[in-house]
């Protein structure tokens, strides 16, 4: 059996302990497999499935726990016809996604309510008459919206407006609002 000296640990090991590497001396990598694994941070992988106490168990990718196959959803997408995450982890992930979706829907309803209050039903820009919901924004007639936004934060602006409905607000499209902020008045008014 041939041996080779490792350049890292300086030990003589059999050539089977070295990765093949074309162009190098003896067509083998200069350092052994163990030293390379240690250098690159490779860890020995846990087996995907194990057989314990007469039950075939599978490892969940999220929680890293071994559970019986009945704790996993069936899925045609994966090689073993079982999902990679256990049912508990799938439920947690789905509930957080559902909560995010509900939160987004609530924010959109509050925004629409405020826009209808100031811009009519359906809401429209006071300057140019734009009716596309996504383009509309709230404008402070006397200015100072930036200061209020910094105090409250963007997420709470519409909730604050909905509580009080101050009189110094109006609905403008984003173009008219920016033109008013940068140039003092919208070009539509000239």
N, C-alpha and C. Protein backbone atom coordinates (compact mmCIF):
# COMPACT_ATOMS: atom_id res chain seq x y z
N UNK A 1 0.85 -1.18 0.00
CA UNK A 1 0.00 0.00 0.00
C UNK A 1 0.89 1.24 0.00
N UNK A 2 0.60 2.15 -0.91
CA UNK A 2 1.38 3.37 -1.02
C UNK A 2 0.96 4.38 0.05
N UNK A 3 1.91 5.13 0.53
CA UNK A 3 1.62 6.19 1.51
C UNK A 3 2.12 7.52 0.98
N UNK A 4 1.57 8.58 1.55
CA UNK A 4 1.94 9.93 1.12
C UNK A 4 1.92 10.82 2.36
N UNK A 5 2.81 11.81 2.40
CA UNK A 5 2.89 12.71 3.55
C UNK A 5 1.93 13.88 3.34
N UNK A 6 1.10 14.15 4.33
CA UNK A 6 0.14 15.26 4.28
C UNK A 6 0.89 16.57 4.54
N UNK A 7 0.56 17.62 3.78
CA UNK A 7 1.23 18.91 3.95
C UNK A 7 0.73 19.68 5.17
N UNK A 8 -0.42 19.31 5.71
CA UNK A 8 -0.97 20.03 6.87
C UNK A 8 -0.57 19.37 8.19
N UNK A 9 -0.95 18.08 8.35
CA UNK A 9 -0.68 17.40 9.62
C UNK A 9 0.70 16.72 9.65
N UNK A 10 1.37 16.68 8.48
CA UNK A 10 2.72 16.11 8.34
C UNK A 10 2.81 14.64 8.73
N UNK A 11 1.69 13.89 8.56
CA UNK A 11 1.66 12.46 8.85
C UNK A 11 1.62 11.69 7.53
N UNK A 12 2.19 10.49 7.55
CA UNK A 12 2.13 9.61 6.39
C UNK A 12 0.83 8.81 6.47
N UNK A 13 0.04 8.91 5.38
CA UNK A 13 -1.25 8.21 5.34
C UNK A 13 -1.37 7.48 4.01
N UNK A 14 -2.21 6.43 3.95
CA UNK A 14 -2.39 5.72 2.67
C UNK A 14 -3.02 6.65 1.63
N UNK A 15 -2.76 6.38 0.37
CA UNK A 15 -3.25 7.25 -0.72
C UNK A 15 -4.78 7.27 -0.79
N UNK A 16 -5.44 6.30 -0.20
CA UNK A 16 -6.92 6.30 -0.19
C UNK A 16 -7.46 7.43 0.69
N UNK A 17 -6.62 8.00 1.55
CA UNK A 17 -7.03 9.10 2.44
C UNK A 17 -6.87 10.47 1.79
N UNK A 18 -6.59 10.51 0.47
CA UNK A 18 -6.39 11.76 -0.26
C UNK A 18 -7.40 11.84 -1.41
N UNK A 19 -7.88 13.06 -1.68
CA UNK A 19 -8.78 13.27 -2.82
C UNK A 19 -7.95 13.30 -4.10
N UNK A 20 -8.52 12.82 -5.23
CA UNK A 20 -7.80 12.91 -6.50
C UNK A 20 -7.73 14.37 -6.95
N UNK A 21 -6.61 14.74 -7.55
CA UNK A 21 -6.40 16.11 -8.00
C UNK A 21 -5.46 16.09 -9.19
N UNK A 22 -6.01 16.27 -10.39
CA UNK A 22 -5.20 16.19 -11.59
C UNK A 22 -4.24 17.38 -11.65
N UNK A 23 -3.06 17.13 -12.13
CA UNK A 23 -2.06 18.18 -12.26
C UNK A 23 -1.12 18.26 -11.08
N UNK A 24 -1.48 17.64 -9.96
CA UNK A 24 -0.62 17.63 -8.79
C UNK A 24 0.30 16.40 -8.86
N UNK A 25 1.31 16.39 -8.03
CA UNK A 25 2.22 15.25 -7.98
C UNK A 25 1.44 14.01 -7.52
N UNK A 26 1.60 12.91 -8.18
CA UNK A 26 0.91 11.64 -7.93
C UNK A 26 -0.60 11.74 -8.18
N UNK A 27 -1.07 12.83 -8.79
CA UNK A 27 -2.50 13.07 -9.07
C UNK A 27 -3.36 13.00 -7.80
N UNK A 28 -2.81 13.44 -6.69
CA UNK A 28 -3.53 13.47 -5.42
C UNK A 28 -3.40 14.85 -4.79
N UNK A 29 -4.41 15.22 -4.03
CA UNK A 29 -4.39 16.51 -3.32
C UNK A 29 -3.25 16.51 -2.30
N UNK A 30 -2.56 17.66 -2.09
CA UNK A 30 -1.41 17.67 -1.18
C UNK A 30 -1.76 17.37 0.28
N UNK A 31 -2.95 17.77 0.75
CA UNK A 31 -3.32 17.49 2.14
C UNK A 31 -4.40 16.41 2.17
N UNK A 32 -4.46 15.70 3.29
CA UNK A 32 -5.37 14.56 3.41
C UNK A 32 -6.84 15.02 3.53
N UNK A 33 -7.76 14.06 3.42
CA UNK A 33 -9.20 14.35 3.49
C UNK A 33 -9.59 14.95 4.84
N UNK A 34 -9.02 14.42 5.92
CA UNK A 34 -9.36 14.90 7.27
C UNK A 34 -8.98 16.37 7.44
N UNK A 35 -7.76 16.72 6.97
CA UNK A 35 -7.31 18.13 7.10
C UNK A 35 -8.16 19.06 6.25
N UNK A 36 -8.54 18.61 5.05
CA UNK A 36 -9.39 19.43 4.18
C UNK A 36 -10.77 19.64 4.80
N UNK A 37 -11.32 18.58 5.37
CA UNK A 37 -12.63 18.71 6.01
C UNK A 37 -12.58 19.67 7.18
N UNK A 38 -11.50 19.57 7.95
CA UNK A 38 -11.35 20.47 9.10
C UNK A 38 -11.19 21.91 8.64
N UNK A 39 -10.42 22.11 7.57
CA UNK A 39 -10.17 23.46 7.04
C UNK A 39 -11.47 24.08 6.50
N UNK A 40 -12.26 23.30 5.78
CA UNK A 40 -13.48 23.81 5.15
C UNK A 40 -14.69 23.77 6.07
N UNK A 41 -14.53 23.25 7.27
CA UNK A 41 -15.64 23.23 8.21
C UNK A 41 -16.67 22.17 7.91
N UNK A 42 -16.30 21.13 7.18
CA UNK A 42 -17.25 20.07 6.87
C UNK A 42 -17.52 19.26 8.11
N UNK A 43 -18.75 18.89 8.26
CA UNK A 43 -19.14 18.04 9.38
C UNK A 43 -19.74 16.76 8.82
N UNK A 44 -19.64 15.72 9.61
CA UNK A 44 -20.24 14.48 9.18
C UNK A 44 -21.76 14.66 9.19
N UNK A 45 -22.38 14.36 8.07
CA UNK A 45 -23.82 14.55 7.95
C UNK A 45 -24.58 13.53 8.78
N UNK A 46 -25.67 14.01 9.35
CA UNK A 46 -26.54 13.08 10.08
C UNK A 46 -27.32 12.27 9.05
N UNK A 47 -27.57 11.00 9.34
CA UNK A 47 -28.36 10.22 8.38
C UNK A 47 -29.79 10.75 8.30
N UNK A 48 -30.37 10.68 7.11
CA UNK A 48 -31.72 11.19 6.89
C UNK A 48 -32.75 10.32 7.58
N UNK A 49 -32.53 9.00 7.53
CA UNK A 49 -33.48 8.06 8.14
C UNK A 49 -32.72 7.07 9.02
N UNK A 50 -33.31 6.72 10.14
CA UNK A 50 -32.71 5.73 11.04
C UNK A 50 -33.80 4.75 11.48
N UNK A 51 -33.37 3.58 11.91
CA UNK A 51 -34.31 2.56 12.37
C UNK A 51 -34.04 2.34 13.85
N UNK A 52 -34.96 2.78 14.71
CA UNK A 52 -34.79 2.64 16.16
C UNK A 52 -36.04 2.04 16.78
N UNK A 53 -35.83 1.13 17.70
CA UNK A 53 -36.91 0.49 18.46
C UNK A 53 -38.00 -0.07 17.54
N UNK A 54 -37.60 -0.60 16.39
CA UNK A 54 -38.55 -1.19 15.47
C UNK A 54 -39.36 -0.19 14.67
N UNK A 55 -39.00 1.12 14.75
CA UNK A 55 -39.73 2.16 14.03
C UNK A 55 -38.75 2.91 13.12
N UNK A 56 -39.15 3.08 11.86
CA UNK A 56 -38.34 3.86 10.93
C UNK A 56 -38.60 5.33 11.20
N UNK A 57 -37.53 6.07 11.52
CA UNK A 57 -37.67 7.49 11.84
C UNK A 57 -36.94 8.32 10.81
N UNK A 58 -37.43 9.54 10.62
CA UNK A 58 -36.87 10.46 9.63
C UNK A 58 -36.52 11.76 10.33
N UNK A 59 -35.47 12.44 9.85
CA UNK A 59 -35.03 13.70 10.46
C UNK A 59 -35.70 14.88 9.77
N UNK A 60 -36.29 15.77 10.56
CA UNK A 60 -36.90 17.00 10.05
C UNK A 60 -35.78 18.01 9.77
N UNK A 61 -35.84 18.69 8.65
CA UNK A 61 -34.78 19.64 8.29
C UNK A 61 -34.85 20.89 9.16
N UNK A 62 -36.04 21.34 9.52
CA UNK A 62 -36.17 22.57 10.33
C UNK A 62 -35.74 22.37 11.77
N UNK A 63 -36.38 21.42 12.47
CA UNK A 63 -36.12 21.25 13.91
C UNK A 63 -34.99 20.24 14.19
N UNK A 64 -34.50 19.54 13.17
CA UNK A 64 -33.39 18.59 13.28
C UNK A 64 -33.67 17.42 14.23
N UNK A 65 -34.95 17.09 14.45
CA UNK A 65 -35.30 15.98 15.34
C UNK A 65 -35.74 14.79 14.50
N UNK A 66 -35.46 13.59 15.03
CA UNK A 66 -35.91 12.37 14.37
C UNK A 66 -37.32 12.04 14.86
N UNK A 67 -38.22 11.82 13.90
CA UNK A 67 -39.62 11.52 14.22
C UNK A 67 -40.09 10.40 13.32
N UNK A 68 -41.12 9.63 13.77
CA UNK A 68 -41.66 8.57 12.90
C UNK A 68 -42.23 9.17 11.61
N UNK A 69 -42.28 8.34 10.58
CA UNK A 69 -42.73 8.81 9.27
C UNK A 69 -44.16 9.34 9.30
N UNK A 70 -44.95 8.94 10.28
CA UNK A 70 -46.34 9.42 10.36
C UNK A 70 -46.39 10.90 10.73
N UNK A 71 -45.29 11.46 11.22
CA UNK A 71 -45.24 12.87 11.59
C UNK A 71 -44.91 13.77 10.40
N UNK A 72 -44.81 13.19 9.19
CA UNK A 72 -44.48 13.95 7.98
C UNK A 72 -45.62 13.86 6.99
N UNK A 73 -45.85 14.93 6.24
CA UNK A 73 -46.86 14.93 5.19
C UNK A 73 -46.36 14.14 3.99
N UNK A 74 -47.27 13.49 3.29
CA UNK A 74 -46.90 12.80 2.05
C UNK A 74 -46.79 13.85 0.95
N UNK A 75 -45.79 13.70 0.11
CA UNK A 75 -45.56 14.65 -0.96
C UNK A 75 -44.91 13.94 -2.14
N UNK A 76 -45.41 14.20 -3.33
CA UNK A 76 -44.85 13.58 -4.53
C UNK A 76 -43.60 14.34 -5.01
N UNK A 77 -43.36 15.51 -4.46
CA UNK A 77 -42.24 16.34 -4.91
C UNK A 77 -40.89 15.78 -4.49
N UNK A 78 -40.85 15.07 -3.40
CA UNK A 78 -39.58 14.60 -2.85
C UNK A 78 -39.30 13.15 -3.23
N UNK A 79 -38.04 12.79 -3.18
CA UNK A 79 -37.60 11.47 -3.61
C UNK A 79 -38.24 10.34 -2.80
N UNK A 80 -38.38 10.52 -1.50
CA UNK A 80 -38.94 9.49 -0.64
C UNK A 80 -40.45 9.61 -0.47
N UNK A 81 -41.08 10.49 -1.23
CA UNK A 81 -42.54 10.71 -1.20
C UNK A 81 -43.01 11.23 0.15
N UNK A 82 -42.10 11.86 0.90
CA UNK A 82 -42.42 12.44 2.20
C UNK A 82 -41.78 13.82 2.25
N UNK A 83 -42.47 14.79 2.82
CA UNK A 83 -41.92 16.15 2.89
C UNK A 83 -40.69 16.19 3.78
N UNK A 84 -39.88 17.21 3.63
CA UNK A 84 -38.63 17.33 4.40
C UNK A 84 -38.88 17.86 5.81
N UNK A 85 -39.95 18.63 5.99
CA UNK A 85 -40.28 19.20 7.30
C UNK A 85 -41.39 18.40 7.95
N UNK A 86 -41.33 18.28 9.28
CA UNK A 86 -42.40 17.57 9.99
C UNK A 86 -43.69 18.40 9.99
N UNK A 87 -44.79 17.79 10.37
CA UNK A 87 -46.08 18.48 10.35
C UNK A 87 -46.09 19.70 11.27
N UNK A 88 -45.46 19.59 12.43
CA UNK A 88 -45.42 20.71 13.37
C UNK A 88 -44.71 21.93 12.78
N UNK A 89 -43.56 21.69 12.14
CA UNK A 89 -42.81 22.80 11.53
C UNK A 89 -43.58 23.40 10.35
N UNK A 90 -44.25 22.54 9.58
CA UNK A 90 -45.06 23.04 8.45
C UNK A 90 -46.19 23.93 8.95
N UNK A 91 -46.83 23.52 10.06
CA UNK A 91 -47.93 24.32 10.62
C UNK A 91 -47.43 25.67 11.12
N UNK A 92 -46.27 25.67 11.81
CA UNK A 92 -45.71 26.93 12.30
C UNK A 92 -45.43 27.89 11.16
N UNK A 93 -44.83 27.35 10.09
CA UNK A 93 -44.49 28.18 8.94
C UNK A 93 -45.74 28.73 8.28
N UNK A 94 -46.76 27.89 8.15
CA UNK A 94 -48.01 28.33 7.53
C UNK A 94 -48.71 29.39 8.38
N UNK A 95 -48.68 29.24 9.71
CA UNK A 95 -49.35 30.21 10.57
C UNK A 95 -48.66 31.57 10.53
N UNK A 96 -47.32 31.60 10.43
CA UNK A 96 -46.63 32.89 10.34
C UNK A 96 -46.92 33.56 9.00
N UNK A 97 -46.98 32.77 7.92
CA UNK A 97 -47.32 33.33 6.61
C UNK A 97 -48.75 33.88 6.61
N UNK A 98 -49.67 33.15 7.25
CA UNK A 98 -51.05 33.59 7.33
C UNK A 98 -51.16 34.89 8.13
N UNK A 99 -50.40 34.98 9.22
CA UNK A 99 -50.41 36.19 10.04
C UNK A 99 -49.90 37.39 9.25
N UNK A 100 -48.84 37.19 8.46
CA UNK A 100 -48.30 38.27 7.63
C UNK A 100 -49.33 38.72 6.61
N UNK A 101 -50.02 37.76 6.00
CA UNK A 101 -51.04 38.09 4.99
C UNK A 101 -52.19 38.85 5.62
N UNK A 102 -52.62 38.43 6.80
CA UNK A 102 -53.71 39.13 7.49
C UNK A 102 -53.30 40.54 7.85
N UNK A 103 -52.06 40.71 8.33
CA UNK A 103 -51.55 42.03 8.71
C UNK A 103 -51.54 42.96 7.50
N UNK A 104 -51.08 42.43 6.36
CA UNK A 104 -51.02 43.22 5.13
C UNK A 104 -52.43 43.63 4.70
N UNK A 105 -53.37 42.69 4.78
CA UNK A 105 -54.75 43.00 4.42
C UNK A 105 -55.34 44.08 5.31
N UNK A 106 -55.03 44.03 6.61
CA UNK A 106 -55.54 45.04 7.55
C UNK A 106 -54.98 46.42 7.22
N UNK A 107 -53.66 46.47 6.94
CA UNK A 107 -53.04 47.76 6.58
C UNK A 107 -53.67 48.34 5.32
N UNK A 108 -53.96 47.49 4.33
CA UNK A 108 -54.56 47.97 3.09
C UNK A 108 -55.99 48.47 3.33
N UNK A 109 -56.74 47.80 4.20
CA UNK A 109 -58.10 48.25 4.51
C UNK A 109 -58.09 49.61 5.20
N UNK A 110 -57.16 49.78 6.17
CA UNK A 110 -57.06 51.07 6.88
C UNK A 110 -56.67 52.17 5.91
N UNK A 111 -55.73 51.90 5.02
CA UNK A 111 -55.29 52.90 4.03
C UNK A 111 -56.45 53.29 3.11
N UNK A 112 -57.19 52.29 2.65
CA UNK A 112 -58.33 52.56 1.76
C UNK A 112 -59.40 53.38 2.48
N UNK A 113 -59.64 53.07 3.74
CA UNK A 113 -60.63 53.81 4.54
C UNK A 113 -60.25 55.30 4.63
N UNK A 114 -58.97 55.57 4.88
CA UNK A 114 -58.49 56.96 4.99
C UNK A 114 -58.59 57.66 3.64
N UNK A 115 -58.19 56.95 2.56
CA UNK A 115 -58.27 57.56 1.23
C UNK A 115 -59.71 57.88 0.84
N UNK A 116 -60.66 57.00 1.18
CA UNK A 116 -62.08 57.26 0.87
C UNK A 116 -62.58 58.45 1.68
N UNK A 117 -62.15 58.58 2.93
CA UNK A 117 -62.58 59.70 3.76
C UNK A 117 -62.16 61.05 3.15
N UNK A 118 -60.92 61.12 2.67
CA UNK A 118 -60.42 62.40 2.15
C UNK A 118 -60.61 62.57 0.65
N UNK A 119 -60.73 61.47 -0.12
CA UNK A 119 -60.79 61.60 -1.57
C UNK A 119 -62.09 61.16 -2.20
N UNK A 120 -63.10 60.85 -1.42
CA UNK A 120 -64.38 60.41 -1.97
C UNK A 120 -64.36 58.92 -2.28
N UNK A 121 -65.49 58.42 -2.75
CA UNK A 121 -65.60 57.01 -3.08
C UNK A 121 -65.93 56.84 -4.55
N UNK A 122 -65.10 56.33 -5.41
CA UNK A 122 -63.74 55.87 -5.19
C UNK A 122 -62.79 57.06 -4.99
N UNK A 123 -61.71 56.88 -4.24
CA UNK A 123 -60.80 57.99 -3.99
C UNK A 123 -60.09 58.44 -5.26
N UNK A 124 -59.86 59.75 -5.36
CA UNK A 124 -59.13 60.27 -6.52
C UNK A 124 -58.28 61.47 -6.12
N UNK A 125 -57.27 61.76 -6.94
CA UNK A 125 -56.36 62.87 -6.68
C UNK A 125 -57.12 64.19 -6.81
N UNK A 126 -56.92 65.09 -5.86
CA UNK A 126 -57.63 66.37 -5.87
C UNK A 126 -57.12 67.27 -7.00
N UNK A 127 -55.88 67.06 -7.43
CA UNK A 127 -55.27 67.91 -8.44
C UNK A 127 -55.56 67.43 -9.86
N UNK A 128 -55.19 66.19 -10.18
CA UNK A 128 -55.30 65.71 -11.57
C UNK A 128 -56.42 64.69 -11.78
N UNK A 129 -57.04 64.20 -10.71
CA UNK A 129 -58.16 63.27 -10.85
C UNK A 129 -57.75 61.81 -11.01
N UNK A 130 -56.50 61.47 -10.74
CA UNK A 130 -56.02 60.08 -10.83
C UNK A 130 -56.80 59.20 -9.86
N UNK A 131 -57.32 58.04 -10.37
CA UNK A 131 -58.14 57.17 -9.54
C UNK A 131 -57.48 55.84 -9.21
N UNK A 132 -56.29 55.59 -9.75
CA UNK A 132 -55.60 54.32 -9.49
C UNK A 132 -55.17 54.29 -8.02
N UNK A 133 -55.70 53.32 -7.28
CA UNK A 133 -55.48 53.21 -5.83
C UNK A 133 -54.00 53.20 -5.45
N UNK A 134 -53.19 52.47 -6.20
CA UNK A 134 -51.77 52.31 -5.86
C UNK A 134 -50.98 53.61 -5.98
N UNK A 135 -51.47 54.57 -6.80
CA UNK A 135 -50.74 55.82 -7.03
C UNK A 135 -51.11 56.91 -6.03
N UNK A 136 -52.15 56.72 -5.24
CA UNK A 136 -52.63 57.76 -4.36
C UNK A 136 -51.87 57.81 -3.04
N UNK A 137 -51.75 59.03 -2.50
CA UNK A 137 -51.07 59.22 -1.22
C UNK A 137 -51.76 60.35 -0.46
N UNK A 138 -51.43 60.45 0.82
CA UNK A 138 -51.98 61.51 1.67
C UNK A 138 -51.00 62.69 1.67
N UNK A 139 -51.55 63.89 1.50
CA UNK A 139 -50.73 65.10 1.46
C UNK A 139 -51.17 66.03 2.59
N UNK A 140 -50.19 66.61 3.28
CA UNK A 140 -50.48 67.63 4.29
C UNK A 140 -50.57 68.97 3.58
N UNK A 141 -51.71 69.60 3.61
CA UNK A 141 -51.96 70.83 2.87
C UNK A 141 -50.97 71.93 3.25
N UNK A 142 -50.70 72.09 4.53
CA UNK A 142 -49.79 73.15 4.99
C UNK A 142 -48.35 72.67 5.11
N UNK A 143 -48.02 71.47 4.66
CA UNK A 143 -46.68 70.91 4.78
C UNK A 143 -46.48 70.28 6.15
N UNK A 144 -45.27 69.80 6.42
CA UNK A 144 -44.95 69.21 7.71
C UNK A 144 -45.20 67.72 7.79
N UNK A 145 -45.51 67.08 6.69
CA UNK A 145 -45.78 65.64 6.70
C UNK A 145 -44.55 64.82 7.02
N UNK A 146 -43.40 65.31 6.59
CA UNK A 146 -42.14 64.59 6.85
C UNK A 146 -41.85 64.50 8.35
N UNK A 147 -42.10 65.59 9.03
CA UNK A 147 -41.86 65.64 10.48
C UNK A 147 -42.77 64.64 11.20
N UNK A 148 -44.04 64.61 10.82
CA UNK A 148 -45.01 63.71 11.44
C UNK A 148 -44.66 62.25 11.14
N UNK A 149 -44.23 62.00 9.90
CA UNK A 149 -43.86 60.63 9.51
C UNK A 149 -42.65 60.15 10.31
N UNK A 150 -41.69 61.05 10.58
CA UNK A 150 -40.53 60.68 11.37
C UNK A 150 -40.91 60.36 12.81
N UNK A 151 -41.87 61.10 13.35
CA UNK A 151 -42.32 60.86 14.72
C UNK A 151 -43.05 59.52 14.86
N UNK A 152 -43.96 59.25 13.92
CA UNK A 152 -44.82 58.07 14.02
C UNK A 152 -44.24 56.83 13.35
N UNK A 153 -43.49 57.01 12.28
CA UNK A 153 -43.05 55.89 11.46
C UNK A 153 -44.09 55.64 10.38
N UNK A 154 -43.67 55.08 9.26
CA UNK A 154 -44.57 54.88 8.13
C UNK A 154 -45.74 53.96 8.45
N UNK A 155 -45.52 52.91 9.22
CA UNK A 155 -46.56 51.93 9.48
C UNK A 155 -47.74 52.45 10.27
N UNK A 156 -47.52 53.48 11.10
CA UNK A 156 -48.57 53.94 11.99
C UNK A 156 -49.26 55.22 11.51
N UNK A 157 -48.84 55.76 10.38
CA UNK A 157 -49.39 57.03 9.91
C UNK A 157 -50.89 56.93 9.64
N UNK A 158 -51.32 55.91 8.90
CA UNK A 158 -52.74 55.79 8.56
C UNK A 158 -53.59 55.46 9.78
N UNK A 159 -53.05 54.69 10.73
CA UNK A 159 -53.81 54.42 11.98
C UNK A 159 -54.02 55.70 12.76
N UNK A 160 -53.00 56.56 12.84
CA UNK A 160 -53.11 57.85 13.55
C UNK A 160 -54.13 58.75 12.86
N UNK A 161 -54.06 58.79 11.54
CA UNK A 161 -55.01 59.62 10.78
C UNK A 161 -56.43 59.12 10.99
N UNK A 162 -56.63 57.80 11.00
CA UNK A 162 -57.97 57.23 11.15
C UNK A 162 -58.57 57.54 12.52
N UNK A 163 -57.72 57.67 13.54
CA UNK A 163 -58.23 57.99 14.87
C UNK A 163 -58.77 59.42 14.95
N UNK A 164 -58.07 60.38 14.31
CA UNK A 164 -58.42 61.80 14.47
C UNK A 164 -59.11 62.41 13.25
N UNK A 165 -58.76 61.98 12.04
CA UNK A 165 -59.18 62.59 10.79
C UNK A 165 -58.97 64.11 10.81
N UNK A 166 -57.70 64.58 10.88
CA UNK A 166 -57.44 66.02 10.88
C UNK A 166 -57.90 66.67 9.58
N UNK A 167 -58.17 67.98 9.65
CA UNK A 167 -58.73 68.69 8.50
C UNK A 167 -57.66 69.17 7.51
N UNK A 168 -56.39 69.16 7.89
CA UNK A 168 -55.35 69.70 7.00
C UNK A 168 -54.74 68.63 6.09
N UNK A 169 -55.51 67.61 5.71
CA UNK A 169 -55.03 66.56 4.81
C UNK A 169 -55.88 66.49 3.56
N UNK A 170 -55.27 65.99 2.47
CA UNK A 170 -55.99 65.77 1.22
C UNK A 170 -55.36 64.60 0.49
N UNK A 171 -56.05 64.07 -0.52
CA UNK A 171 -55.53 62.97 -1.32
C UNK A 171 -54.94 63.53 -2.60
N UNK A 172 -53.67 63.20 -2.85
CA UNK A 172 -53.00 63.54 -4.10
C UNK A 172 -52.34 62.29 -4.65
N UNK A 173 -52.16 62.25 -5.96
CA UNK A 173 -51.37 61.16 -6.52
C UNK A 173 -49.91 61.42 -6.18
N UNK A 174 -49.10 60.41 -6.30
CA UNK A 174 -47.70 60.54 -5.89
C UNK A 174 -46.98 61.62 -6.71
N UNK A 175 -47.27 61.72 -8.01
CA UNK A 175 -46.61 62.74 -8.85
C UNK A 175 -46.96 64.15 -8.38
N UNK A 176 -48.22 64.41 -8.15
CA UNK A 176 -48.63 65.75 -7.70
C UNK A 176 -48.06 66.05 -6.31
N UNK A 177 -48.04 65.06 -5.43
CA UNK A 177 -47.53 65.24 -4.08
C UNK A 177 -46.04 65.57 -4.11
N UNK A 178 -45.26 64.85 -4.93
CA UNK A 178 -43.82 65.10 -5.02
C UNK A 178 -43.54 66.46 -5.67
N UNK A 179 -44.29 66.79 -6.71
CA UNK A 179 -44.10 68.10 -7.37
C UNK A 179 -44.40 69.22 -6.39
N UNK A 180 -45.45 69.07 -5.59
CA UNK A 180 -45.79 70.08 -4.59
C UNK A 180 -44.68 70.20 -3.55
N UNK A 181 -44.11 69.05 -3.14
CA UNK A 181 -43.03 69.06 -2.16
C UNK A 181 -41.74 69.67 -2.69
N UNK A 182 -41.39 69.36 -3.95
CA UNK A 182 -40.13 69.85 -4.52
C UNK A 182 -40.22 71.27 -5.05
N UNK A 183 -41.33 71.63 -5.71
CA UNK A 183 -41.42 72.91 -6.42
C UNK A 183 -42.43 73.88 -5.81
N UNK A 184 -43.12 73.48 -4.74
CA UNK A 184 -44.06 74.38 -4.10
C UNK A 184 -45.47 74.28 -4.63
N UNK A 185 -45.63 73.88 -5.89
CA UNK A 185 -46.96 73.68 -6.46
C UNK A 185 -46.89 72.64 -7.58
N UNK A 186 -48.01 72.04 -7.88
CA UNK A 186 -48.08 71.02 -8.91
C UNK A 186 -48.14 71.69 -10.29
N UNK A 187 -47.51 71.14 -11.33
CA UNK A 187 -47.59 71.72 -12.68
C UNK A 187 -49.01 71.78 -13.24
N UNK A 188 -49.92 70.93 -12.71
CA UNK A 188 -51.31 70.97 -13.19
C UNK A 188 -52.01 72.29 -12.81
N UNK A 189 -51.54 72.96 -11.78
CA UNK A 189 -52.19 74.19 -11.32
C UNK A 189 -51.77 75.41 -12.15
N UNK A 190 -50.66 75.31 -12.90
CA UNK A 190 -50.19 76.46 -13.69
C UNK A 190 -51.08 76.72 -14.87
